[in-house]
């Protein structure tokens, strides 16, 4: 089953007050860390969706084997970046793993476990689950992609999955990957980064 990763990193980082893609986390840029995790997983290809400050980010961040797609409509919200990423995949890709570009705790092992869980259950989607709440990264089979076309604004794949949880295979975790949206998020993450998130299949 051919799989592609879509790393969403097009936002303007207004709440952070500086480009999140370039934040220093663990001695490297945040987006570089996320792209490296995706590239080190079993994904067959990785697409990084850029938008705000795309050229500056591209120059500053080493993205490894990932290829870049620029979403010119990024100001209209995450839904446009998700559609841009899906549109960049060719007909051989059977499933996409949507990864947020501001999640420094995502690891190759987490991505691979989601891929395994998705394949073994036969369900059309898979996601992390923390306290019963579905979280990214998420796996979406091609059969679900048309449903993304109706999404508008600043919503992503998790909204689609939370509306139909019976379609989702889960990997439970007691500590979901942090989303770094604000300076406070970043400070909390830096305090807790020594303990990686754990995940167990259920």
Protein backbone atom coordinates (compact mmCIF):
# COMPACT_ATOMS: atom_id res chain seq x y z
CA UNK A 1 0.00 0.00 0.00
CA UNK A 2 1.75 3.15 -1.21
CA UNK A 3 1.70 5.88 1.43
CA UNK A 4 2.51 9.59 1.38
CA UNK A 5 3.04 12.05 4.19
CA UNK A 6 1.59 15.55 4.02
CA UNK A 7 3.24 17.97 6.43
CA UNK A 8 1.09 21.08 6.88
CA UNK A 9 3.35 24.09 7.44
CA UNK A 10 1.74 26.98 5.57
CA UNK A 11 0.42 29.11 8.43
CA UNK A 12 1.49 32.65 9.26
CA UNK A 13 2.19 31.84 12.95
CA UNK A 14 0.27 34.89 14.18
CA UNK A 15 -0.24 33.54 17.70
CA UNK A 16 3.41 32.59 18.03
CA UNK A 17 4.58 36.01 16.85
CA UNK A 18 7.38 34.56 14.73
CA UNK A 19 7.56 31.88 12.00
CA UNK A 20 6.91 28.57 13.74
CA UNK A 21 8.63 26.69 10.95
CA UNK A 22 11.95 28.24 12.01
CA UNK A 23 11.64 27.88 15.79
CA UNK A 24 14.69 26.29 17.39
CA UNK A 25 13.71 22.99 19.01
CA UNK A 26 16.34 20.54 20.13
CA UNK A 27 19.03 22.30 18.12
CA UNK A 28 17.18 22.36 14.80
CA UNK A 29 14.33 24.19 13.13
CA UNK A 30 10.89 22.89 14.09
CA UNK A 31 9.86 22.12 10.51
CA UNK A 32 13.19 20.43 9.86
CA UNK A 33 12.56 18.17 12.85
CA UNK A 34 9.06 17.23 11.69
CA UNK A 35 10.13 16.67 8.07
CA UNK A 36 13.02 14.49 9.24
CA UNK A 37 10.67 12.32 11.29
CA UNK A 38 8.36 11.87 8.32
CA UNK A 39 11.28 11.12 6.00
CA UNK A 40 12.71 8.51 8.41
CA UNK A 41 9.40 6.64 8.58
CA UNK A 42 8.15 4.03 6.10
CA UNK A 43 6.29 6.64 4.06
CA UNK A 44 7.03 6.25 0.36
CA UNK A 45 7.07 10.00 -0.19
CA UNK A 46 6.72 13.19 1.86
CA UNK A 47 5.15 16.48 0.78
CA UNK A 48 5.60 19.67 2.81
CA UNK A 49 2.95 22.33 2.21
CA UNK A 50 4.32 25.84 2.65
CA UNK A 51 2.52 29.17 2.40
CA UNK A 52 3.41 32.22 4.50
CA UNK A 53 7.07 33.10 3.95
CA UNK A 54 7.48 30.06 1.75
CA UNK A 55 10.71 31.11 0.06
CA UNK A 56 12.38 32.14 3.31
CA UNK A 57 11.39 28.85 4.92
CA UNK A 58 12.61 26.86 1.94
CA UNK A 59 15.99 28.59 2.08
CA UNK A 60 16.39 28.18 5.85
CA UNK A 61 15.15 24.64 6.46
CA UNK A 62 16.66 21.36 5.28
CA UNK A 63 13.73 19.19 4.22
CA UNK A 64 15.59 16.04 3.22
CA UNK A 65 13.69 13.88 0.77
CA UNK A 66 10.48 15.88 1.16
CA UNK A 67 9.23 17.89 -1.79
CA UNK A 68 7.59 21.28 -1.39
CA UNK A 69 4.13 22.40 -2.47
CA UNK A 70 3.26 26.07 -2.02
CA UNK A 71 -0.33 26.87 -1.08
CA UNK A 72 -1.07 30.33 -2.45
CA UNK A 73 -4.42 30.30 -0.63
CA UNK A 74 -3.00 29.59 2.82
CA UNK A 75 -4.67 32.66 4.34
CA UNK A 76 -8.03 30.92 3.80
CA UNK A 77 -7.15 28.31 6.40
CA UNK A 78 -5.77 24.83 6.96
CA UNK A 79 -8.39 23.20 4.73
CA UNK A 80 -6.75 24.77 1.66
CA UNK A 81 -3.34 23.40 2.62
CA UNK A 82 -4.77 19.94 3.16
CA UNK A 83 -6.38 20.02 -0.29
CA UNK A 84 -3.14 21.32 -1.85
CA UNK A 85 -1.22 18.43 -0.32
CA UNK A 86 -3.73 15.84 -1.49
CA UNK A 87 -3.77 17.34 -4.99
CA UNK A 88 0.01 16.97 -5.21
CA UNK A 89 -0.13 13.18 -4.82
CA UNK A 90 -0.21 10.94 -7.85
CA UNK A 91 -2.61 8.12 -8.63
CA UNK A 92 -0.36 5.44 -7.12
CA UNK A 93 -0.77 6.76 -3.57
CA UNK A 94 -3.43 4.84 -1.66
CA UNK A 95 -3.30 6.65 1.68
CA UNK A 96 -1.99 9.89 3.13
CA UNK A 97 -0.67 10.61 6.61
CA UNK A 98 -1.45 14.20 7.60
CA UNK A 99 1.15 15.61 9.98
CA UNK A 100 1.10 19.08 11.50
CA UNK A 101 4.33 21.00 10.98
CA UNK A 102 4.27 22.31 14.55
CA UNK A 103 4.35 18.92 16.32
CA UNK A 104 7.95 18.33 17.46
CA UNK A 105 7.11 15.09 19.29
CA UNK A 106 6.02 13.18 16.18
CA UNK A 107 8.48 10.36 15.57
CA UNK A 108 9.01 7.83 12.78
CA UNK A 109 7.78 5.13 15.19
CA UNK A 110 4.48 6.93 15.76
CA UNK A 111 3.92 7.33 12.02
CA UNK A 112 4.80 3.69 11.33
CA UNK A 113 2.51 2.46 14.10
CA UNK A 114 -0.38 4.43 12.62
CA UNK A 115 0.35 2.94 9.19
CA UNK A 116 0.37 -0.58 10.66
CA UNK A 117 -2.84 -0.03 12.62
CA UNK A 118 -4.57 1.37 9.56
CA UNK A 119 -3.58 -1.57 7.38
CA UNK A 120 -4.37 -4.34 9.86
CA UNK A 121 -7.85 -3.06 10.74
CA UNK A 122 -9.00 -2.30 7.22
CA UNK A 123 -10.72 0.88 8.40
CA UNK A 124 -10.46 3.94 6.12
CA UNK A 125 -8.66 6.08 8.69
CA UNK A 126 -6.34 5.92 11.69
CA UNK A 127 -5.34 8.48 14.31
CA UNK A 128 -3.85 8.92 17.73
CA UNK A 129 -6.35 8.92 20.58
CA UNK A 130 -5.73 10.67 23.89
CA UNK A 131 -8.47 10.33 26.47
CA UNK A 132 -10.85 9.26 23.73
CA UNK A 133 -10.16 12.38 21.64
CA UNK A 134 -8.75 11.83 18.15
CA UNK A 135 -5.50 13.66 17.44
CA UNK A 136 -3.08 14.09 14.53
CA UNK A 137 -1.15 12.63 12.87
CA UNK A 138 -3.99 10.97 10.98
CA UNK A 139 -4.09 8.43 8.16
CA UNK A 140 -6.64 8.90 5.38
CA UNK A 141 -7.37 6.29 2.72
CA UNK A 142 -7.97 7.61 -0.78
CA UNK A 143 -11.69 6.83 -0.42
CA UNK A 144 -11.94 9.67 2.12
CA UNK A 145 -10.17 12.31 0.06
CA UNK A 146 -13.30 13.53 -1.79
CA UNK A 147 -14.80 14.49 1.57
CA UNK A 148 -11.97 16.97 2.07
CA UNK A 149 -13.15 19.00 -0.89
CA UNK A 150 -16.15 20.30 1.04
CA UNK A 151 -14.08 21.53 3.98
CA UNK A 152 -13.67 25.28 4.35
CA UNK A 153 -11.66 27.59 6.57
CA UNK A 154 -9.23 26.69 9.30
CA UNK A 155 -10.23 23.07 9.79
CA UNK A 156 -8.28 19.95 9.01
CA UNK A 157 -8.47 16.18 8.90
CA UNK A 158 -9.21 15.76 12.60
CA UNK A 159 -12.58 17.49 12.12
CA UNK A 160 -13.45 14.97 9.42
CA UNK A 161 -12.51 12.02 11.61
CA UNK A 162 -14.18 13.27 14.78
CA UNK A 163 -17.46 13.50 12.87
CA UNK A 164 -17.33 9.75 12.09
CA UNK A 165 -15.18 8.06 14.75
CA UNK A 166 -16.45 4.60 13.81
CA UNK A 167 -14.31 4.84 10.67
CA UNK A 168 -11.11 5.41 12.62
CA UNK A 169 -8.60 2.87 13.92
CA UNK A 170 -6.81 4.29 16.94
CA UNK A 171 -3.41 4.19 18.53
CA UNK A 172 -3.87 5.28 22.12
CA UNK A 173 -1.40 7.55 23.83
CA UNK A 174 -1.20 9.07 27.30
CA UNK A 175 0.59 12.11 25.92
CA UNK A 176 -0.30 13.26 22.42
CA UNK A 177 2.28 15.23 20.44
CA UNK A 178 2.18 18.89 21.44
CA UNK A 179 1.00 21.56 19.00
CA UNK A 180 3.21 24.64 19.34
CA UNK A 181 0.83 27.52 18.62
CA UNK A 182 1.86 30.13 21.20
CA UNK A 183 4.99 31.17 23.13
CA UNK A 184 3.43 29.50 26.18
CA UNK A 185 3.09 26.21 24.27
CA UNK A 186 6.74 26.44 23.30
CA UNK A 187 7.85 27.12 26.89
CA UNK A 188 5.84 24.16 28.20
CA UNK A 189 7.25 21.88 25.53
CA UNK A 190 10.81 22.89 26.29
CA UNK A 191 10.23 22.05 29.94
CA UNK A 192 8.86 18.60 29.17
CA UNK A 193 10.79 17.51 26.08
CA UNK A 194 12.98 15.05 27.97
CA UNK A 195 10.07 12.56 28.17
CA UNK A 196 8.88 11.31 24.74
CA UNK A 197 5.21 10.47 24.16
CA UNK A 198 4.25 6.81 24.52
CA UNK A 199 1.81 5.01 22.27
CA UNK A 200 0.10 1.65 22.53
CA UNK A 201 -2.28 0.10 20.07
CA UNK A 202 -5.84 -0.57 21.20
